[in-house]
Protein backbone atom coordinates (compact mmCIF):
# COMPACT_ATOMS: atom_id res chain seq x y z
CA MET A 1 155.29 138.86 105.63
CA GLU A 2 158.64 139.03 103.86
CA GLN A 3 162.18 138.50 105.15
CA HIS A 4 165.46 138.77 103.24
CA ILE A 5 167.40 135.54 103.84
CA PHE A 6 170.56 135.92 101.72
CA ASP A 7 172.03 137.34 98.53
CA LEU A 8 172.50 134.76 95.81
CA ASN A 9 175.81 135.11 94.00
CA SER A 10 175.54 132.02 91.83
CA ASP A 11 173.64 130.93 88.72
CA ASP A 12 173.89 127.25 89.63
CA PRO A 13 170.58 125.61 88.66
CA ALA A 14 171.06 123.05 91.42
CA ILE A 15 170.48 125.79 94.00
CA TYR A 16 167.16 126.75 92.40
CA LYS A 17 166.12 123.11 92.22
CA ARG A 18 166.98 122.55 95.88
CA LEU A 19 165.08 125.68 96.95
CA LEU A 20 162.00 124.33 95.15
CA GLN A 21 162.42 121.02 96.98
CA ILE A 22 162.71 122.84 100.31
CA ASN A 23 159.58 124.85 99.46
CA ARG A 24 157.64 121.60 99.21
CA GLU A 25 158.51 120.83 102.83
CA ILE A 26 157.65 124.28 104.24
CA VAL A 27 154.30 124.33 106.06
CA HIS A 28 153.70 128.10 105.77
CA GLY A 29 155.35 130.43 103.27
CA ALA A 30 158.04 129.80 100.68
CA PHE A 31 161.42 130.94 99.47
CA VAL A 32 161.14 133.41 96.60
CA LEU A 33 163.60 135.05 94.24
CA THR A 34 163.68 138.79 93.58
CA ASN A 35 163.98 140.33 90.16
CA PRO A 36 166.80 140.80 89.29
CA GLN A 37 167.66 137.37 90.59
CA ASN A 38 170.03 138.17 93.39
CA LYS A 39 168.10 137.95 96.67
CA ILE A 40 166.38 135.00 98.30
CA LEU A 41 163.45 136.01 100.49
CA PHE A 42 161.04 134.11 102.70
CA ARG A 43 157.48 135.20 101.98
CA ASP A 44 154.15 134.27 103.49
CA THR A 45 150.95 136.06 102.54
CA LEU A 46 148.59 136.62 105.47
CA GLN A 47 145.28 138.46 105.46
CA LEU A 48 145.43 141.42 107.83
CA ALA A 49 141.65 141.72 108.18
CA ASN A 50 141.43 138.64 110.41
CA LEU A 51 145.06 137.95 111.35
CA ASP A 52 145.48 136.34 114.74
CA ILE A 53 148.59 135.58 116.76
CA ASN A 54 148.45 131.85 115.94
CA GLU A 55 148.77 132.53 112.21
CA LEU A 56 151.69 134.87 112.71
CA GLU A 57 153.40 132.42 115.06
CA GLY A 58 152.85 129.63 112.53
CA SER A 59 154.62 131.62 109.83
CA LEU A 60 157.52 132.55 112.10
CA ASN A 61 157.86 128.99 113.38
CA SER A 62 157.79 127.67 109.82
CA LEU A 63 160.63 130.00 108.84
CA THR A 64 162.64 129.10 111.95
CA LEU A 65 162.23 125.36 111.43
CA THR A 66 163.11 125.60 107.74
CA LEU A 67 166.27 127.59 108.46
CA ILE A 68 167.33 125.16 111.20
CA GLU A 69 166.74 122.10 109.03
CA ASN A 70 168.66 123.55 106.08
CA VAL A 71 171.27 125.74 107.79
CA ASP A 72 174.33 124.10 106.20
CA GLU A 73 173.06 124.47 102.65
CA ILE A 74 171.78 127.99 103.18
CA LEU A 75 175.06 129.11 104.73
CA SER A 76 177.06 127.60 101.87
CA TRP A 77 174.87 129.40 99.29
CA SER A 78 175.02 132.70 101.13
CA THR A 79 178.81 132.67 101.39
CA ALA A 80 179.54 131.33 97.88
CA ASN A 81 181.42 133.96 95.89
CA ALA A 82 180.84 136.53 98.63
């Protein structure tokens, strides 16, 4: 499962550090950086062979909670230099 969250228009290492700190708190999935380094995605790898609704809901709930808890920072990063 992969979802584009925002375009990153800054090379500030503090943003990368903070994203790593947020990743530590995420129950399912993580924020990832595309190559070239301009998009932040949320990614969670799930096995399709035995995927059930609880696993999918867990991933979606994890993303929702993470975005809610960090909305101010994420909005400031996504609008910086836009």
